[in-house]
Amino acid sequence: MESTQEYAIKVAYVLNPDLPEIPAPKDGESDQVKKQREKRQEDEVMCRGHILNTLSDTLYNLFTVKIPRETGNT
């Protein structure tokens, strides 16, 4: 039987209240810094998605933002 840790998504660190904000992109920054920023942003989206996925329908509707669709009548 395989370990369940192999399937963990490991994004819980984004819930840490002491985690610093993602720094704004700067000219001339290394590829490593860019990759770290992209990973952090993806992890935040994934963590939020997993949290919202576990909420009841009532709470889900409360915590999701509805964006009105633009009509094609321009």
N, C-alpha and C. Protein backbone atom coordinates (compact mmCIF):
# COMPACT_ATOMS: atom_id res chain seq x y z
N MET A 1 0.84 -1.19 0.00
CA MET A 1 0.00 0.00 0.00
C MET A 1 0.88 1.25 0.00
N GLU A 2 0.57 2.21 -0.85
CA GLU A 2 1.38 3.40 -0.97
C GLU A 2 1.00 4.43 0.10
N SER A 3 1.96 5.25 0.43
CA SER A 3 1.75 6.27 1.45
C SER A 3 0.80 7.36 0.93
N THR A 4 -0.05 7.87 1.81
CA THR A 4 -0.96 8.95 1.40
C THR A 4 -0.20 10.26 1.25
N GLN A 5 0.98 10.34 1.83
CA GLN A 5 1.76 11.57 1.72
C GLN A 5 2.18 11.82 0.27
N GLU A 6 2.30 10.78 -0.52
CA GLU A 6 2.66 10.94 -1.92
C GLU A 6 1.58 11.72 -2.67
N TYR A 7 0.36 11.67 -2.20
CA TYR A 7 -0.75 12.32 -2.87
C TYR A 7 -1.13 13.66 -2.26
N ALA A 8 -0.44 14.06 -1.20
CA ALA A 8 -0.73 15.34 -0.57
C ALA A 8 -0.34 16.48 -1.51
N ILE A 9 -1.12 17.53 -1.51
CA ILE A 9 -0.84 18.64 -2.42
C ILE A 9 0.11 19.66 -1.81
N LYS A 10 0.31 19.62 -0.50
CA LYS A 10 1.30 20.44 0.21
C LYS A 10 1.14 21.93 -0.07
N VAL A 11 -0.06 22.44 0.13
CA VAL A 11 -0.30 23.87 -0.04
C VAL A 11 -0.79 24.52 1.25
N ALA A 12 -0.79 23.79 2.35
CA ALA A 12 -1.30 24.32 3.61
C ALA A 12 -0.47 25.49 4.12
N TYR A 13 0.77 25.61 3.66
CA TYR A 13 1.62 26.71 4.12
C TYR A 13 1.02 28.07 3.80
N VAL A 14 0.17 28.16 2.78
CA VAL A 14 -0.41 29.45 2.41
C VAL A 14 -1.42 29.93 3.44
N LEU A 15 -1.82 29.06 4.37
CA LEU A 15 -2.75 29.45 5.43
C LEU A 15 -2.05 30.08 6.63
N ASN A 16 -0.73 30.06 6.63
CA ASN A 16 0.05 30.63 7.74
C ASN A 16 -0.17 32.14 7.79
N PRO A 17 -0.66 32.68 8.92
CA PRO A 17 -0.90 34.11 9.00
C PRO A 17 0.38 34.95 8.98
N ASP A 18 1.53 34.34 9.27
CA ASP A 18 2.80 35.06 9.28
C ASP A 18 3.52 35.00 7.93
N LEU A 19 2.90 34.39 6.96
CA LEU A 19 3.52 34.27 5.64
C LEU A 19 3.55 35.65 4.98
N PRO A 20 4.72 36.09 4.53
CA PRO A 20 4.79 37.41 3.90
C PRO A 20 4.03 37.44 2.58
N GLU A 21 3.61 38.63 2.19
CA GLU A 21 2.89 38.79 0.93
C GLU A 21 3.80 38.47 -0.25
N ILE A 22 3.18 38.17 -1.36
CA ILE A 22 3.96 37.91 -2.57
C ILE A 22 4.51 39.24 -3.06
N PRO A 23 5.84 39.34 -3.23
CA PRO A 23 6.39 40.61 -3.70
C PRO A 23 6.00 40.88 -5.15
N ALA A 24 5.89 42.14 -5.47
CA ALA A 24 5.53 42.54 -6.83
C ALA A 24 6.68 42.20 -7.78
N PRO A 25 6.37 41.85 -9.02
CA PRO A 25 7.43 41.55 -9.99
C PRO A 25 8.31 42.77 -10.23
N LYS A 26 9.60 42.50 -10.41
CA LYS A 26 10.57 43.57 -10.67
C LYS A 26 11.36 43.22 -11.93
N ASP A 27 11.84 44.25 -12.60
CA ASP A 27 12.70 44.03 -13.77
C ASP A 27 14.01 43.42 -13.32
N GLY A 28 14.49 42.46 -14.06
CA GLY A 28 15.80 41.88 -13.81
C GLY A 28 15.84 40.83 -12.72
N GLU A 29 14.69 40.37 -12.24
CA GLU A 29 14.74 39.34 -11.21
C GLU A 29 15.03 37.99 -11.83
N SER A 30 15.58 37.10 -11.04
CA SER A 30 16.01 35.80 -11.55
C SER A 30 14.81 34.92 -11.89
N ASP A 31 15.09 33.91 -12.70
CA ASP A 31 14.05 32.94 -13.06
C ASP A 31 13.57 32.19 -11.83
N GLN A 32 14.46 31.97 -10.86
CA GLN A 32 14.08 31.26 -9.64
C GLN A 32 13.03 32.05 -8.87
N VAL A 33 13.19 33.36 -8.77
CA VAL A 33 12.23 34.20 -8.06
C VAL A 33 10.89 34.20 -8.80
N LYS A 34 10.94 34.23 -10.13
CA LYS A 34 9.70 34.18 -10.92
C LYS A 34 8.97 32.87 -10.70
N LYS A 35 9.71 31.76 -10.67
CA LYS A 35 9.10 30.45 -10.46
C LYS A 35 8.50 30.35 -9.06
N GLN A 36 9.19 30.92 -8.06
CA GLN A 36 8.67 30.90 -6.69
C GLN A 36 7.36 31.68 -6.62
N ARG A 37 7.31 32.84 -7.28
CA ARG A 37 6.09 33.66 -7.26
C ARG A 37 4.94 32.91 -7.94
N GLU A 38 5.21 32.31 -9.09
CA GLU A 38 4.16 31.57 -9.81
C GLU A 38 3.66 30.39 -9.00
N LYS A 39 4.57 29.66 -8.34
CA LYS A 39 4.17 28.51 -7.53
C LYS A 39 3.31 28.97 -6.36
N ARG A 40 3.70 30.04 -5.72
CA ARG A 40 2.95 30.55 -4.57
C ARG A 40 1.55 30.96 -5.01
N GLN A 41 1.43 31.66 -6.13
CA GLN A 41 0.12 32.08 -6.63
C GLN A 41 -0.73 30.87 -6.98
N GLU A 42 -0.15 29.88 -7.62
CA GLU A 42 -0.89 28.66 -7.96
C GLU A 42 -1.32 27.91 -6.70
N ASP A 43 -0.43 27.85 -5.70
CA ASP A 43 -0.76 27.18 -4.45
C ASP A 43 -1.90 27.88 -3.72
N GLU A 44 -1.92 29.21 -3.75
CA GLU A 44 -3.00 29.95 -3.11
C GLU A 44 -4.34 29.66 -3.79
N VAL A 45 -4.33 29.63 -5.11
CA VAL A 45 -5.56 29.33 -5.85
C VAL A 45 -6.02 27.91 -5.55
N MET A 46 -5.09 26.96 -5.53
CA MET A 46 -5.44 25.56 -5.29
C MET A 46 -5.98 25.38 -3.87
N CYS A 47 -5.34 26.01 -2.90
CA CYS A 47 -5.79 25.90 -1.51
C CYS A 47 -7.18 26.50 -1.35
N ARG A 48 -7.40 27.66 -1.94
CA ARG A 48 -8.72 28.30 -1.87
C ARG A 48 -9.78 27.40 -2.51
N GLY A 49 -9.42 26.80 -3.63
CA GLY A 49 -10.36 25.91 -4.31
C GLY A 49 -10.72 24.71 -3.47
N HIS A 50 -9.73 24.13 -2.79
CA HIS A 50 -10.01 22.97 -1.94
C HIS A 50 -10.88 23.35 -0.75
N ILE A 51 -10.63 24.53 -0.19
CA ILE A 51 -11.46 24.99 0.94
C ILE A 51 -12.89 25.21 0.47
N LEU A 52 -13.05 25.92 -0.64
CA LEU A 52 -14.40 26.18 -1.15
C LEU A 52 -15.11 24.89 -1.54
N ASN A 53 -14.37 23.91 -2.01
CA ASN A 53 -14.95 22.64 -2.42
C ASN A 53 -15.54 21.88 -1.24
N THR A 54 -15.03 22.12 -0.05
CA THR A 54 -15.51 21.40 1.12
C THR A 54 -16.65 22.12 1.85
N LEU A 55 -16.94 23.35 1.47
CA LEU A 55 -18.00 24.11 2.13
C LEU A 55 -19.38 23.62 1.69
N SER A 56 -20.35 23.83 2.54
CA SER A 56 -21.72 23.54 2.14
C SER A 56 -22.14 24.55 1.08
N ASP A 57 -23.21 24.26 0.37
CA ASP A 57 -23.65 25.15 -0.70
C ASP A 57 -23.94 26.56 -0.20
N THR A 58 -24.52 26.69 0.98
CA THR A 58 -24.83 28.01 1.52
C THR A 58 -23.57 28.81 1.76
N LEU A 59 -22.57 28.21 2.38
CA LEU A 59 -21.31 28.92 2.63
C LEU A 59 -20.56 29.18 1.34
N TYR A 60 -20.62 28.25 0.41
CA TYR A 60 -19.96 28.44 -0.87
C TYR A 60 -20.50 29.68 -1.56
N ASN A 61 -21.82 29.81 -1.59
CA ASN A 61 -22.44 30.98 -2.24
C ASN A 61 -22.06 32.27 -1.53
N LEU A 62 -21.84 32.20 -0.23
CA LEU A 62 -21.47 33.39 0.54
C LEU A 62 -20.04 33.83 0.23
N PHE A 63 -19.13 32.87 0.05
CA PHE A 63 -17.71 33.20 -0.08
C PHE A 63 -17.20 33.23 -1.51
N THR A 64 -18.01 33.02 -2.49
CA THR A 64 -17.57 33.14 -3.88
C THR A 64 -18.09 34.44 -4.45
N VAL A 65 -17.33 35.00 -5.32
CA VAL A 65 -17.69 36.28 -5.93
C VAL A 65 -18.35 36.00 -7.27
N LYS A 66 -19.49 36.58 -7.47
CA LYS A 66 -20.19 36.45 -8.74
C LYS A 66 -19.75 37.59 -9.65
N ILE A 67 -19.27 37.24 -10.82
CA ILE A 67 -18.84 38.24 -11.78
C ILE A 67 -19.87 38.25 -12.91
N PRO A 68 -20.52 39.41 -13.11
CA PRO A 68 -21.54 39.46 -14.16
C PRO A 68 -20.90 39.28 -15.53
N ARG A 69 -21.57 38.53 -16.37
CA ARG A 69 -21.09 38.31 -17.72
C ARG A 69 -21.43 39.52 -18.58
N GLU A 70 -20.50 39.83 -19.46
CA GLU A 70 -20.77 40.92 -20.39
C GLU A 70 -21.65 40.39 -21.51
N THR A 71 -22.57 41.19 -21.93
CA THR A 71 -23.42 40.78 -23.03
C THR A 71 -22.72 41.06 -24.35
N GLY A 72 -23.03 40.30 -25.33
CA GLY A 72 -22.41 40.49 -26.63
C GLY A 72 -23.10 41.56 -27.47
N ASN A 73 -23.97 42.33 -26.87
CA ASN A 73 -24.73 43.35 -27.61
C ASN A 73 -24.01 44.69 -27.54
N THR A 74 -22.91 44.83 -28.24
CA THR A 74 -22.20 46.11 -28.24
C THR A 74 -22.25 46.75 -29.57
